[in-house]
């Protein structure tokens, strides 16, 4: 009995190629991954996301606290600035008053001395 080698190769290679293609397809489509492994992977991803979310929330809370601290500091600075401006206004008014008073004293002193000289 003579068997044609081409038929023999075709009979062996074709099913082998089919099995390889099926295995590659099964791996790509995750048909060969057990359900518990898939669920474990999903659970790990959910835990990781929950941890990242918790860390981000903590960071947001920390930054919100810093923002509030900066707002409080800015408010305190504004209060200090208003007080400084009020004191500056008082000082400028005091300076104007003292300059006016000195001018009046000079005029009065000069006027009295002139009047005193004119009397003699």
PDB file of N, CA and C in Angstrom:
ATOM      1  N   UNK A   1       0.819  -1.157   0.000  1.00  0.00           N
ATOM      2  CA  UNK A   1       0.000   0.000   0.000  1.00  0.00           C
ATOM      3  C   UNK A   1       0.880   1.243   0.000  1.00  0.00           C
ATOM      4  N   UNK A   2       0.662   2.049  -0.988  1.00  0.00           N
ATOM      5  CA  UNK A   2       1.403   3.292  -1.147  1.00  0.00           C
ATOM      6  C   UNK A   2       0.542   4.467  -0.715  1.00  0.00           C
ATOM      7  N   UNK A   3       1.099   5.287   0.182  1.00  0.00           N
ATOM      8  CA  UNK A   3       0.376   6.482   0.636  1.00  0.00           C
ATOM      9  C   UNK A   3       1.106   7.680   0.050  1.00  0.00           C
ATOM     10  N   UNK A   4       0.318   8.519  -0.537  1.00  0.00           N
ATOM     11  CA  UNK A   4       0.882   9.733  -1.129  1.00  0.00           C
ATOM     12  C   UNK A   4       1.369  10.651  -0.003  1.00  0.00           C
ATOM     13  N   UNK A   5       2.655  11.067  -0.041  1.00  0.00           N
ATOM     14  CA  UNK A   5       3.179  11.922   1.029  1.00  0.00           C
ATOM     15  C   UNK A   5       2.453  13.263   1.124  1.00  0.00           C
ATOM     16  N   UNK A   6       1.962  13.792   0.034  1.00  0.00           N
ATOM     17  CA  UNK A   6       1.250  15.072   0.074  1.00  0.00           C
ATOM     18  C   UNK A   6      -0.038  14.918   0.862  1.00  0.00           C
ATOM     19  N   UNK A   7      -0.725  13.798   0.694  1.00  0.00           N
ATOM     20  CA  UNK A   7      -1.961  13.563   1.452  1.00  0.00           C
ATOM     21  C   UNK A   7      -1.641  13.381   2.931  1.00  0.00           C
ATOM     22  N   UNK A   8      -0.543  12.713   3.186  1.00  0.00           N
ATOM     23  CA  UNK A   8      -0.157  12.499   4.577  1.00  0.00           C
ATOM     24  C   UNK A   8       0.179  13.828   5.260  1.00  0.00           C
ATOM     25  N   UNK A   9       0.933  14.678   4.568  1.00  0.00           N
ATOM     26  CA  UNK A   9       1.272  15.992   5.120  1.00  0.00           C
ATOM     27  C   UNK A   9       0.008  16.818   5.272  1.00  0.00           C
ATOM     28  N   UNK A  10      -0.863  16.794   4.301  1.00  0.00           N
ATOM     29  CA  UNK A  10      -2.120  17.543   4.374  1.00  0.00           C
ATOM     30  C   UNK A  10      -3.004  17.036   5.497  1.00  0.00           C
ATOM     31  N   UNK A  11      -3.014  15.728   5.699  1.00  0.00           N
ATOM     32  CA  UNK A  11      -3.861  15.155   6.744  1.00  0.00           C
ATOM     33  C   UNK A  11      -3.319  15.465   8.139  1.00  0.00           C
ATOM     34  N   UNK A  12      -2.009  15.655   8.268  1.00  0.00           N
ATOM     35  CA  UNK A  12      -1.423  15.929   9.583  1.00  0.00           C
ATOM     36  C   UNK A  12      -1.307  17.443   9.824  1.00  0.00           C
ATOM     37  N   UNK A  13      -0.892  18.174   8.811  1.00  0.00           N
ATOM     38  CA  UNK A  13      -0.619  19.595   8.973  1.00  0.00           C
ATOM     39  C   UNK A  13      -1.912  20.408   9.102  1.00  0.00           C
ATOM     40  N   UNK A  14      -2.919  20.077   8.329  1.00  0.00           N
ATOM     41  CA  UNK A  14      -4.162  20.852   8.360  1.00  0.00           C
ATOM     42  C   UNK A  14      -4.809  20.831   9.742  1.00  0.00           C
ATOM     43  N   UNK A  15      -4.990  19.700  10.383  1.00  0.00           N
ATOM     44  CA  UNK A  15      -5.561  19.731  11.724  1.00  0.00           C
ATOM     45  C   UNK A  15      -4.622  20.415  12.736  1.00  0.00           C
ATOM     46  N   UNK A  16      -3.321  20.268  12.519  1.00  0.00           N
ATOM     47  CA  UNK A  16      -2.374  20.908  13.423  1.00  0.00           C
ATOM     48  C   UNK A  16      -2.465  22.429  13.309  1.00  0.00           C
ATOM     49  N   UNK A  17      -2.572  22.930  12.099  1.00  0.00           N
ATOM     50  CA  UNK A  17      -2.748  24.370  11.889  1.00  0.00           C
ATOM     51  C   UNK A  17      -4.074  24.818  12.485  1.00  0.00           C
ATOM     52  N   UNK A  18      -5.098  24.033  12.342  1.00  0.00           N
ATOM     53  CA  UNK A  18      -6.409  24.360  12.923  1.00  0.00           C
ATOM     54  C   UNK A  18      -6.339  24.447  14.442  1.00  0.00           C
ATOM     55  N   UNK A  19      -5.622  23.489  15.059  1.00  0.00           N
ATOM     56  CA  UNK A  19      -5.482  23.503  16.513  1.00  0.00           C
ATOM     57  C   UNK A  19      -4.684  24.736  16.955  1.00  0.00           C
ATOM     58  N   UNK A  20      -3.650  25.083  16.226  1.00  0.00           N
ATOM     59  CA  UNK A  20      -2.838  26.261  16.570  1.00  0.00           C
ATOM     60  C   UNK A  20      -3.666  27.537  16.429  1.00  0.00           C
ATOM     61  N   UNK A  21      -4.418  27.655  15.347  1.00  0.00           N
ATOM     62  CA  UNK A  21      -5.263  28.835  15.150  1.00  0.00           C
ATOM     63  C   UNK A  21      -6.317  28.912  16.245  1.00  0.00           C
ATOM     64  N   UNK A  22      -6.912  27.772  16.599  1.00  0.00           N
ATOM     65  CA  UNK A  22      -7.909  27.763  17.671  1.00  0.00           C
ATOM     66  C   UNK A  22      -7.286  28.203  18.999  1.00  0.00           C
ATOM     67  N   UNK A  23      -6.097  27.700  19.307  1.00  0.00           N
ATOM     68  CA  UNK A  23      -5.433  28.081  20.559  1.00  0.00           C
ATOM     69  C   UNK A  23      -5.084  29.571  20.594  1.00  0.00           C
ATOM     70  N   UNK A  24      -4.589  30.083  19.488  1.00  0.00           N
ATOM     71  CA  UNK A  24      -4.266  31.510  19.435  1.00  0.00           C
ATOM     72  C   UNK A  24      -5.541  32.337  19.615  1.00  0.00           C
ATOM     73  N   UNK A  25      -6.614  31.939  18.944  1.00  0.00           N
ATOM     74  CA  UNK A  25      -7.894  32.644  19.087  1.00  0.00           C
ATOM     75  C   UNK A  25      -8.411  32.556  20.518  1.00  0.00           C
ATOM     76  N   UNK A  26      -8.289  31.387  21.123  1.00  0.00           N
ATOM     77  CA  UNK A  26      -8.764  31.200  22.497  1.00  0.00           C
ATOM     78  C   UNK A  26      -7.967  32.060  23.475  1.00  0.00           C
ATOM     79  N   UNK A  27      -6.675  32.184  23.258  1.00  0.00           N
ATOM     80  CA  UNK A  27      -5.856  33.016  24.142  1.00  0.00           C
ATOM     81  C   UNK A  27      -6.194  34.491  23.945  1.00  0.00           C
ATOM     82  N   UNK A  28      -6.342  34.899  22.693  1.00  0.00           N
ATOM     83  CA  UNK A  28      -6.645  36.303  22.414  1.00  0.00           C
ATOM     84  C   UNK A  28      -8.012  36.680  22.980  1.00  0.00           C
ATOM     85  N   UNK A  29      -8.979  35.820  22.842  1.00  0.00           N
ATOM     86  CA  UNK A  29     -10.334  36.103  23.329  1.00  0.00           C
ATOM     87  C   UNK A  29     -10.529  35.710  24.790  1.00  0.00           C
ATOM     88  N   UNK A  30      -9.495  35.257  25.424  1.00  0.00           N
ATOM     89  CA  UNK A  30      -9.506  34.889  26.846  1.00  0.00           C
ATOM     90  C   UNK A  30     -10.472  33.757  27.140  1.00  0.00           C
ATOM     91  N   UNK A  31     -10.603  32.829  26.215  1.00  0.00           N
ATOM     92  CA  UNK A  31     -11.463  31.666  26.448  1.00  0.00           C
ATOM     93  C   UNK A  31     -10.789  30.671  27.383  1.00  0.00           C
ATOM     94  N   UNK A  32      -9.457  30.736  27.453  1.00  0.00           N
ATOM     95  CA  UNK A  32      -8.730  29.759  28.259  1.00  0.00           C
ATOM     96  C   UNK A  32      -8.454  30.241  29.680  1.00  0.00           C
ATOM     97  N   UNK A  33      -8.890  31.463  30.011  1.00  0.00           N
ATOM     98  CA  UNK A  33      -8.671  31.990  31.355  1.00  0.00           C
ATOM     99  C   UNK A  33      -9.833  31.540  32.236  1.00  0.00           C
ATOM    100  N   UNK A  34      -9.539  30.900  33.350  1.00  0.00           N
ATOM    101  CA  UNK A  34     -10.626  30.483  34.234  1.00  0.00           C
ATOM    102  C   UNK A  34     -11.377  31.686  34.801  1.00  0.00           C
ATOM    103  N   UNK A  35     -12.628  31.486  35.101  1.00  0.00           N
ATOM    104  CA  UNK A  35     -13.487  32.562  35.590  1.00  0.00           C
ATOM    105  C   UNK A  35     -12.963  33.133  36.922  1.00  0.00           C
ATOM    106  N   UNK A  36     -12.473  32.287  37.812  1.00  0.00           N
ATOM    107  CA  UNK A  36     -11.993  32.779  39.105  1.00  0.00           C
ATOM    108  C   UNK A  36     -10.762  33.665  38.936  1.00  0.00           C
ATOM    109  N   UNK A  37      -9.916  33.368  37.941  1.00  0.00           N
ATOM    110  CA  UNK A  37      -8.751  34.202  37.672  1.00  0.00           C
ATOM    111  C   UNK A  37      -9.198  35.563  37.147  1.00  0.00           C
ATOM    112  N   UNK A  38     -10.181  35.524  36.270  1.00  0.00           N
ATOM    113  CA  UNK A  38     -10.736  36.755  35.726  1.00  0.00           C
ATOM    114  C   UNK A  38     -11.338  37.601  36.855  1.00  0.00           C
ATOM    115  N   UNK A  39     -12.129  36.979  37.708  1.00  0.00           N
ATOM    116  CA  UNK A  39     -12.750  37.700  38.824  1.00  0.00           C
ATOM    117  C   UNK A  39     -11.696  38.249  39.795  1.00  0.00           C
ATOM    118  N   UNK A  40     -10.656  37.465  40.038  1.00  0.00           N
ATOM    119  CA  UNK A  40      -9.575  37.927  40.908  1.00  0.00           C
ATOM    120  C   UNK A  40      -8.890  39.148  40.310  1.00  0.00           C
ATOM    121  N   UNK A  41      -8.645  39.110  39.013  1.00  0.00           N
ATOM    122  CA  UNK A  41      -8.021  40.241  38.331  1.00  0.00           C
ATOM    123  C   UNK A  41      -8.916  41.478  38.405  1.00  0.00           C
ATOM    124  N   UNK A  42     -10.194  41.305  38.175  1.00  0.00           N
ATOM    125  CA  UNK A  42     -11.135  42.423  38.265  1.00  0.00           C
ATOM    126  C   UNK A  42     -11.158  42.987  39.685  1.00  0.00           C
ATOM    127  N   UNK A  43     -11.158  42.090  40.691  1.00  0.00           N
ATOM    128  CA  UNK A  43     -11.162  42.535  42.086  1.00  0.00           C
ATOM    129  C   UNK A  43      -9.885  43.322  42.402  1.00  0.00           C
ATOM    130  N   UNK A  44      -8.743  42.857  41.915  1.00  0.00           N
ATOM    131  CA  UNK A  44      -7.484  43.582  42.130  1.00  0.00           C
ATOM    132  C   UNK A  44      -7.520  44.971  41.484  1.00  0.00           C
ATOM    133  N   UNK A  45      -8.072  45.040  40.282  1.00  0.00           N
ATOM    134  CA  UNK A  45      -8.182  46.339  39.616  1.00  0.00           C
ATOM    135  C   UNK A  45      -9.122  47.272  40.374  1.00  0.00           C
ATOM    136  N   UNK A  46     -10.226  46.732  40.896  1.00  0.00           N
ATOM    137  CA  UNK A  46     -11.156  47.553  41.671  1.00  0.00           C
ATOM    138  C   UNK A  46     -10.499  48.047  42.964  1.00  0.00           C
ATOM    139  N   UNK A  47      -9.747  47.173  43.620  1.00  0.00           N
ATOM    140  CA  UNK A  47      -9.039  47.580  44.841  1.00  0.00           C
ATOM    141  C   UNK A  47      -8.008  48.665  44.543  1.00  0.00           C
ATOM    142  N   UNK A  48      -7.294  48.483  43.437  1.00  0.00           N
ATOM    143  CA  UNK A  48      -6.290  49.469  43.046  1.00  0.00           C
ATOM    144  C   UNK A  48      -6.959  50.812  42.754  1.00  0.00           C
ATOM    145  N   UNK A  49      -8.071  50.791  42.041  1.00  0.00           N
ATOM    146  CA  UNK A  49      -8.783  52.035  41.727  1.00  0.00           C
ATOM    147  C   UNK A  49      -9.318  52.691  42.997  1.00  0.00           C
ATOM    148  N   UNK A  50      -9.831  51.875  43.932  1.00  0.00           N
ATOM    149  CA  UNK A  50     -10.349  52.416  45.195  1.00  0.00           C
ATOM    150  C   UNK A  50      -9.210  53.075  45.994  1.00  0.00           C
ATOM    151  N   UNK A  51      -8.043  52.448  45.999  1.00  0.00           N
ATOM    152  CA  UNK A  51      -6.904  53.014  46.716  1.00  0.00           C
ATOM    153  C   UNK A  51      -6.449  54.316  46.061  1.00  0.00           C
ATOM    154  N   UNK A  52      -6.393  54.337  44.738  1.00  0.00           N
ATOM    155  CA  UNK A  52      -6.008  55.559  44.035  1.00  0.00           C
ATOM    156  C   UNK A  52      -7.016  56.669  44.290  1.00  0.00           C
ATOM    157  N   UNK A  53      -8.296  56.330  44.287  1.00  0.00           N
ATOM    158  CA  UNK A  53      -9.340  57.319  44.553  1.00  0.00           C
ATOM    159  C   UNK A  53      -9.215  57.859  45.971  1.00  0.00           C
ATOM    160  N   UNK A  54      -8.945  56.972  46.936  1.00  0.00           N
ATOM    161  CA  UNK A  54      -8.774  57.405  48.317  1.00  0.00           C
ATOM    162  C   UNK A  54      -7.582  58.349  48.437  1.00  0.00           C
ATOM    163  N   UNK A  55      -6.464  58.003  47.780  1.00  0.00           N
ATOM    164  CA  UNK A  55      -5.284  58.868  47.827  1.00  0.00           C
ATOM    165  C   UNK A  55      -5.559  60.224  47.175  1.00  0.00           C
ATOM    166  N   UNK A  56      -6.274  60.208  46.058  1.00  0.00           N
ATOM    167  CA  UNK A  56      -6.605  61.471  45.401  1.00  0.00           C
ATOM    168  C   UNK A  56      -7.536  62.315  46.265  1.00  0.00           C
ATOM    169  N   UNK A  57      -8.487  61.678  46.919  1.00  0.00           N
ATOM    170  CA  UNK A  57      -9.384  62.419  47.818  1.00  0.00           C
ATOM    171  C   UNK A  57      -8.617  63.022  48.986  1.00  0.00           C
ATOM    172  N   UNK A  58      -7.655  62.267  49.533  1.00  0.00           N
ATOM    173  CA  UNK A  58      -6.830  62.809  50.615  1.00  0.00           C
ATOM    174  C   UNK A  58      -6.018  64.004  50.125  1.00  0.00           C
ATOM    175  N   UNK A  59      -5.494  63.908  48.915  1.00  0.00           N
ATOM    176  CA  UNK A  59      -4.721  65.013  48.347  1.00  0.00           C
ATOM    177  C   UNK A  59      -5.614  66.236  48.137  1.00  0.00           C
ATOM    178  N   UNK A  60      -6.827  66.013  47.640  1.00  0.00           N
ATOM    179  CA  UNK A  60      -7.767  67.127  47.446  1.00  0.00           C
ATOM    180  C   UNK A  60      -8.111  67.770  48.784  1.00  0.00           C
ATOM    181  N   UNK A  61      -8.338  66.952  49.807  1.00  0.00           N
ATOM    182  CA  UNK A  61      -8.639  67.486  51.139  1.00  0.00           C
ATOM    183  C   UNK A  61      -7.458  68.292  51.685  1.00  0.00           C
ATOM    184  N   UNK A  62      -6.236  67.783  51.475  1.00  0.00           N
ATOM    185  CA  UNK A  62      -5.051  68.498  51.940  1.00  0.00           C
ATOM    186  C   UNK A  62      -4.913  69.841  51.226  1.00  0.00           C
ATOM    187  N   UNK A  63      -5.125  69.825  49.902  1.00  0.00           N
ATOM    188  CA  UNK A  63      -5.025  71.066  49.137  1.00  0.00           C
ATOM    189  C   UNK A  63      -6.138  72.042  49.498  1.00  0.00           C
ATOM    190  N   UNK A  64      -7.327  71.525  49.801  1.00  0.00           N
ATOM    191  CA  UNK A  64      -8.418  72.399  50.228  1.00  0.00           C
ATOM    192  C   UNK A  64      -8.074  73.047  51.563  1.00  0.00           C
ATOM    193  N   UNK A  65      -7.450  72.285  52.450  1.00  0.00           N
ATOM    194  CA  UNK A  65      -7.009  72.853  53.723  1.00  0.00           C
ATOM    195  C   UNK A  65      -5.970  73.941  53.523  1.00  0.00           C
ATOM    196  N   UNK A  66      -5.020  73.692  52.623  1.00  0.00           N
ATOM    197  CA  UNK A  66      -4.006  74.707  52.318  1.00  0.00           C
ATOM    198  C   UNK A  66      -4.651  75.950  51.719  1.00  0.00           C
ATOM    199  N   UNK A  67      -5.625  75.737  50.833  1.00  0.00           N
ATOM    200  CA  UNK A  67      -6.317  76.866  50.221  1.00  0.00           C
ATOM    201  C   UNK A  67      -7.018  77.698  51.291  1.00  0.00           C
ATOM    202  N   UNK A  68      -7.678  77.023  52.228  1.00  0.00           N
ATOM    203  CA  UNK A  68      -8.362  77.740  53.303  1.00  0.00           C
ATOM    204  C   UNK A  68      -7.359  78.494  54.172  1.00  0.00           C
ATOM    205  N   UNK A  69      -6.199  77.868  54.418  1.00  0.00           N
ATOM    206  CA  UNK A  69      -5.166  78.547  55.210  1.00  0.00           C
ATOM    207  C   UNK A  69      -4.670  79.790  54.479  1.00  0.00           C
ATOM    208  N   UNK A  70      -4.466  79.674  53.160  1.00  0.00           N
ATOM    209  CA  UNK A  70      -4.021  80.834  52.384  1.00  0.00           C
ATOM    210  C   UNK A  70      -5.090  81.916  52.379  1.00  0.00           C
ATOM    211  N   UNK A  71      -6.365  81.518  52.297  1.00  0.00           N
ATOM    212  CA  UNK A  71      -7.447  82.512  52.321  1.00  0.00           C
ATOM    213  C   UNK A  71      -7.479  83.222  53.665  1.00  0.00           C
ATOM    214  N   UNK A  72      -7.319  82.456  54.736  1.00  0.00           N
ATOM    215  CA  UNK A  72      -7.299  83.068  56.068  1.00  0.00           C
ATOM    216  C   UNK A  72      -6.120  84.034  56.199  1.00  0.00           C
ATOM    217  N   UNK A  73      -4.965  83.623  55.691  1.00  0.00           N
ATOM    218  CA  UNK A  73      -3.783  84.488  55.748  1.00  0.00           C
ATOM    219  C   UNK A  73      -3.999  85.752  54.908  1.00  0.00           C
ATOM    220  N   UNK A  74      -4.614  85.594  53.750  1.00  0.00           N
ATOM    221  CA  UNK A  74      -4.887  86.755  52.894  1.00  0.00           C
ATOM    222  C   UNK A  74      -5.881  87.694  53.576  1.00  0.00           C
ATOM    223  N   UNK A  75      -6.875  87.121  54.223  1.00  0.00           N
ATOM    224  CA  UNK A  75      -7.843  87.953  54.942  1.00  0.00           C
ATOM    225  C   UNK A  75      -7.156  88.708  56.084  1.00  0.00           C
ATOM    226  N   UNK A  76      -6.299  88.003  56.821  1.00  0.00           N
ATOM    227  CA  UNK A  76      -5.571  88.654  57.912  1.00  0.00           C
ATOM    228  C   UNK A  76      -4.673  89.767  57.366  1.00  0.00           C
ATOM    229  N   UNK A  77      -4.024  89.511  56.228  1.00  0.00           N
ATOM    230  CA  UNK A  77      -3.178  90.541  55.619  1.00  0.00           C
ATOM    231  C   UNK A  77      -4.005  91.748  55.198  1.00  0.00           C
ATOM    232  N   UNK A  78      -5.200  91.504  54.689  1.00  0.00           N
ATOM    233  CA  UNK A  78      -6.062  92.607  54.278  1.00  0.00           C
ATOM    234  C   UNK A  78      -6.467  93.441  55.488  1.00  0.00           C
ATOM    235  N   UNK A  79      -6.767  92.772  56.593  1.00  0.00           N
ATOM    236  CA  UNK A  79      -7.104  93.496  57.822  1.00  0.00           C
ATOM    237  C   UNK A  79      -5.912  94.331  58.284  1.00  0.00           C
ATOM    238  N   UNK A  80      -4.720  93.746  58.238  1.00  0.00           N
ATOM    239  CA  UNK A  80      -3.505  94.481  58.629  1.00  0.00           C
ATOM    240  C   UNK A  80      -3.283  95.660  57.687  1.00  0.00           C
ATOM    241  N   UNK A  81      -3.479  95.441  56.389  1.00  0.00           N
ATOM    242  CA  UNK A  81      -3.302  96.531  55.420  1.00  0.00           C
ATOM    243  C   UNK A  81      -4.282  97.667  55.684  1.00  0.00           C
ATOM    244  N   UNK A  82      -5.520  97.331  56.000  1.00  0.00           N
ATOM    245  CA  UNK A  82      -6.499  98.373  56.308  1.00  0.00           C
ATOM    246  C   UNK A  82      -6.079  99.164  57.550  1.00  0.00           C
ATOM    247  N   UNK A  83      -5.589  98.468  58.559  1.00  0.00           N
ATOM    248  CA  UNK A  83      -5.129  99.145  59.772  1.00  0.00           C
ATOM    249  C   UNK A  83      -3.933 100.047  59.473  1.00  0.00           C
ATOM    250  N   UNK A  84      -3.000  99.553  58.644  1.00  0.00           N
ATOM    251  CA  UNK A  84      -1.827 100.364  58.276  1.00  0.00           C
ATOM    252  C   UNK A  84      -2.270 101.599  57.503  1.00  0.00           C
ATOM    253  N   UNK A  85      -3.227 101.422  56.571  1.00  0.00           N
ATOM    254  CA  UNK A  85      -3.718 102.576  55.822  1.00  0.00           C
ATOM    255  C   UNK A  85      -4.377 103.597  56.748  1.00  0.00           C
ATOM    256  N   UNK A  86      -5.155 103.115  57.707  1.00  0.00           N
ATOM    257  CA  UNK A  86      -5.810 104.026  58.654  1.00  0.00           C
ATOM    258  C   UNK A  86      -4.761 104.778  59.469  1.00  0.00           C
ATOM    259  N   UNK A  87      -3.730 104.072  59.933  1.00  0.00           N
ATOM    260  CA  UNK A  87      -2.674 104.737  60.696  1.00  0.00           C
ATOM    261  C   UNK A  87      -1.910 105.731  59.826  1.00  0.00           C
ATOM    262  N   UNK A  88      -1.683 105.369  58.563  1.00  0.00           N
ATOM    263  CA  UNK A  88      -1.007 106.308  57.650  1.00  0.00           C
ATOM    264  C   UNK A  88      -1.842 107.562  57.443  1.00  0.00           C
ATOM    265  N   UNK A  89      -3.159 107.392  57.300  1.00  0.00           N
ATOM    266  CA  UNK A  89      -4.028 108.566  57.157  1.00  0.00           C
ATOM    267  C   UNK A  89      -3.923 109.471  58.395  1.00  0.00           C
ATOM    268  N   UNK A  90      -3.933 108.835  59.572  1.00  0.00           N
ATOM    269  CA  UNK A  90      -3.804 109.617  60.803  1.00  0.00           C
ATOM    270  C   UNK A  90      -2.464 110.335  60.868  1.00  0.00           C
ATOM    271  N   UNK A  91      -1.396 109.639  60.490  1.00  0.00           N
ATOM    272  CA  UNK A  91      -0.076 110.269  60.505  1.00  0.00           C
ATOM    273  C   UNK A  91       0.007 111.424  59.514  1.00  0.00           C
ATOM    274  N   UNK A  92      -0.548 111.224  58.311  1.00  0.00           N
ATOM    275  CA  UNK A  92      -0.526 112.304  57.319  1.00  0.00           C
ATOM    276  C   UNK A  92      -1.356 113.490  57.790  1.00  0.00           C
ATOM    277  N   UNK A  93      -2.490 113.212  58.395  1.00  0.00           N
ATOM    278  CA  UNK A  93      -3.314 114.303  58.915  1.00  0.00           C
ATOM    279  C   UNK A  93      -2.596 115.018  60.061  1.00  0.00           C
ATOM    280  N   UNK A  94      -1.944 114.229  60.920  1.00  0.00           N
ATOM    281  CA  UNK A  94      -1.161 114.839  62.000  1.00  0.00           C
ATOM    282  C   UNK A  94      -0.033 115.685  61.457  1.00  0.00           C
ATOM    283  N   UNK A  95       0.609 115.214  60.395  1.00  0.00           N
ATOM    284  CA  UNK A  95       1.697 115.980  59.794  1.00  0.00           C
ATOM    285  C   UNK A  95       1.154 117.282  59.209  1.00  0.00           C
ATOM    286  N   UNK A  96       0.030 117.195  58.494  1.00  0.00           N
ATOM    287  CA  UNK A  96      -0.558 118.413  57.914  1.00  0.00           C
ATOM    288  C   UNK A  96      -0.928 119.398  59.020  1.00  0.00           C
ATOM    289  N   UNK A  97      -1.505 118.844  60.098  1.00  0.00           N
ATOM    290  CA  UNK A  97      -1.898 119.711  61.213  1.00  0.00           C
ATOM    291  C   UNK A  97      -0.672 120.357  61.848  1.00  0.00           C
ATOM    292  N   UNK A  98       0.383 119.596  62.042  1.00  0.00           N
ATOM    293  CA  UNK A  98       1.590 120.163  62.663  1.00  0.00           C
ATOM    294  C   UNK A  98       2.251 121.170  61.738  1.00  0.00           C
ATOM    295  N   UNK A  99       2.269 120.925  60.434  1.00  0.00           N
ATOM    296  CA  UNK A  99       2.841 121.898  59.496  1.00  0.00           C
ATOM    297  C   UNK A  99       2.022 123.176  59.545  1.00  0.00           C
ATOM    298  N   UNK A 100       0.692 123.008  59.541  1.00  0.00           N
ATOM    299  CA  UNK A 100      -0.171 124.192  59.621  1.00  0.00           C
ATOM    300  C   UNK A 100       0.058 124.937  60.931  1.00  0.00           C
ATOM    301  N   UNK A 101       0.163 124.183  62.014  1.00  0.00           N
ATOM    302  CA  UNK A 101       0.385 124.816  63.316  1.00  0.00           C
ATOM    303  C   UNK A 101       1.716 125.549  63.335  1.00  0.00           C
ATOM    304  N   UNK A 102       2.775 124.954  62.803  1.00  0.00           N
ATOM    305  CA  UNK A 102       4.074 125.622  62.768  1.00  0.00           C
ATOM    306  C   UNK A 102       4.011 126.896  61.923  1.00  0.00           C
ATOM    307  N   UNK A 103       3.309 126.817  60.796  1.00  0.00           N
ATOM    308  CA  UNK A 103       3.178 128.013  59.963  1.00  0.00           C
ATOM    309  C   UNK A 103       2.434 129.117  60.718  1.00  0.00           C
ATOM    310  N   UNK A 104       1.393 128.742  61.415  1.00  0.00           N
ATOM    311  CA  UNK A 104       0.641 129.726  62.192  1.00  0.00           C
ATOM    312  C   UNK A 104       1.494 130.305  63.313  1.00  0.00           C
ATOM    313  N   UNK A 105       2.265 129.436  63.974  1.00  0.00           N
ATOM    314  CA  UNK A 105       3.146 129.922  65.042  1.00  0.00           C
ATOM    315  C   UNK A 105       4.178 130.870  64.475  1.00  0.00           C
ATOM    316  N   UNK A 106       4.763 130.530  63.325  1.00  0.00           N
ATOM    317  CA  UNK A 106       5.751 131.402  62.698  1.00  0.00           C
ATOM    318  C   UNK A 106       5.123 132.741  62.324  1.00  0.00           C
ATOM    319  N   UNK A 107       3.922 132.651  61.716  1.00  0.00           N
ATOM    320  CA  UNK A 107       3.253 133.891  61.322  1.00  0.00           C
ATOM    321  C   UNK A 107       2.918 134.732  62.553  1.00  0.00           C
ATOM    322  N   UNK A 108       2.435 134.060  63.577  1.00  0.00           N
ATOM    323  CA  UNK A 108       2.086 134.786  64.803  1.00  0.00           C
ATOM    324  C   UNK A 108       3.336 135.392  65.425  1.00  0.00           C
ATOM    325  N   UNK A 109       4.402 134.590  65.500  1.00  0.00           N
ATOM    326  CA  UNK A 109       5.647 135.092  66.088  1.00  0.00           C
ATOM    327  C   UNK A 109       6.213 136.224  65.239  1.00  0.00           C
ATOM    328  N   UNK A 110       6.179 136.054  63.937  1.00  0.00           N
ATOM    329  CA  UNK A 110       6.686 137.098  63.046  1.00  0.00           C
ATOM    330  C   UNK A 110       5.797 138.324  63.134  1.00  0.00           C
ATOM    331  N   UNK A 111       4.513 138.115  63.222  1.00  0.00           N
ATOM    332  CA  UNK A 111       3.564 139.235  63.332  1.00  0.00           C
ATOM    333  C   UNK A 111       3.720 139.963  64.642  1.00  0.00           C
ATOM    334  N   UNK A 112       3.927 139.256  65.715  1.00  0.00           N
ATOM    335  CA  UNK A 112       4.110 139.897  67.012  1.00  0.00           C
ATOM    336  C   UNK A 112       5.409 140.676  67.037  1.00  0.00           C
ATOM    337  N   UNK A 113       6.444 140.094  66.468  1.00  0.00           N
ATOM    338  CA  UNK A 113       7.711 140.797  66.470  1.00  0.00           C
ATOM    339  C   UNK A 113       7.632 142.019  65.567  1.00  0.00           C
ATOM    340  N   UNK A 114       6.932 141.911  64.439  1.00  0.00           N
ATOM    341  CA  UNK A 114       6.782 143.053  63.560  1.00  0.00           C
ATOM    342  C   UNK A 114       5.921 144.109  64.235  1.00  0.00           C
ATOM    343  N   UNK A 115       4.878 143.675  64.882  1.00  0.00           N
ATOM    344  CA  UNK A 115       4.027 144.625  65.566  1.00  0.00           C
ATOM    345  C   UNK A 115       4.778 145.295  66.705  1.00  0.00           C
ATOM    346  N   UNK A 116       5.612 144.498  67.372  1.00  0.00           N
ATOM    347  CA  UNK A 116       6.411 145.049  68.464  1.00  0.00           C
ATOM    348  C   UNK A 116       7.412 146.069  67.954  1.00  0.00           C
ATOM    349  N   UNK A 117       7.998 145.810  66.781  1.00  0.00           N
ATOM    350  CA  UNK A 117       8.950 146.745  66.208  1.00  0.00           C
ATOM    351  C   UNK A 117       8.243 147.989  65.726  1.00  0.00           C
ATOM    352  N   UNK A 118       7.042 147.837  65.188  1.00  0.00           N
ATOM    353  CA  UNK A 118       6.307 148.956  64.688  1.00  0.00           C
ATOM    354  C   UNK A 118       5.838 149.873  65.840  1.00  0.00           C
ATOM    355  N   UNK A 119       5.615 149.329  66.981  1.00  0.00           N
ATOM    356  CA  UNK A 119       5.145 150.112  68.118  1.00  0.00           C
ATOM    357  C   UNK A 119       6.242 151.042  68.610  1.00  0.00           C
ATOM    358  N   UNK A 120       7.442 150.598  68.499  1.00  0.00           N
ATOM    359  CA  UNK A 120       8.527 151.437  69.050  1.00  0.00           C
ATOM    360  C   UNK A 120       8.816 152.555  68.172  1.00  0.00           C
TER     361      UNK A 120
END
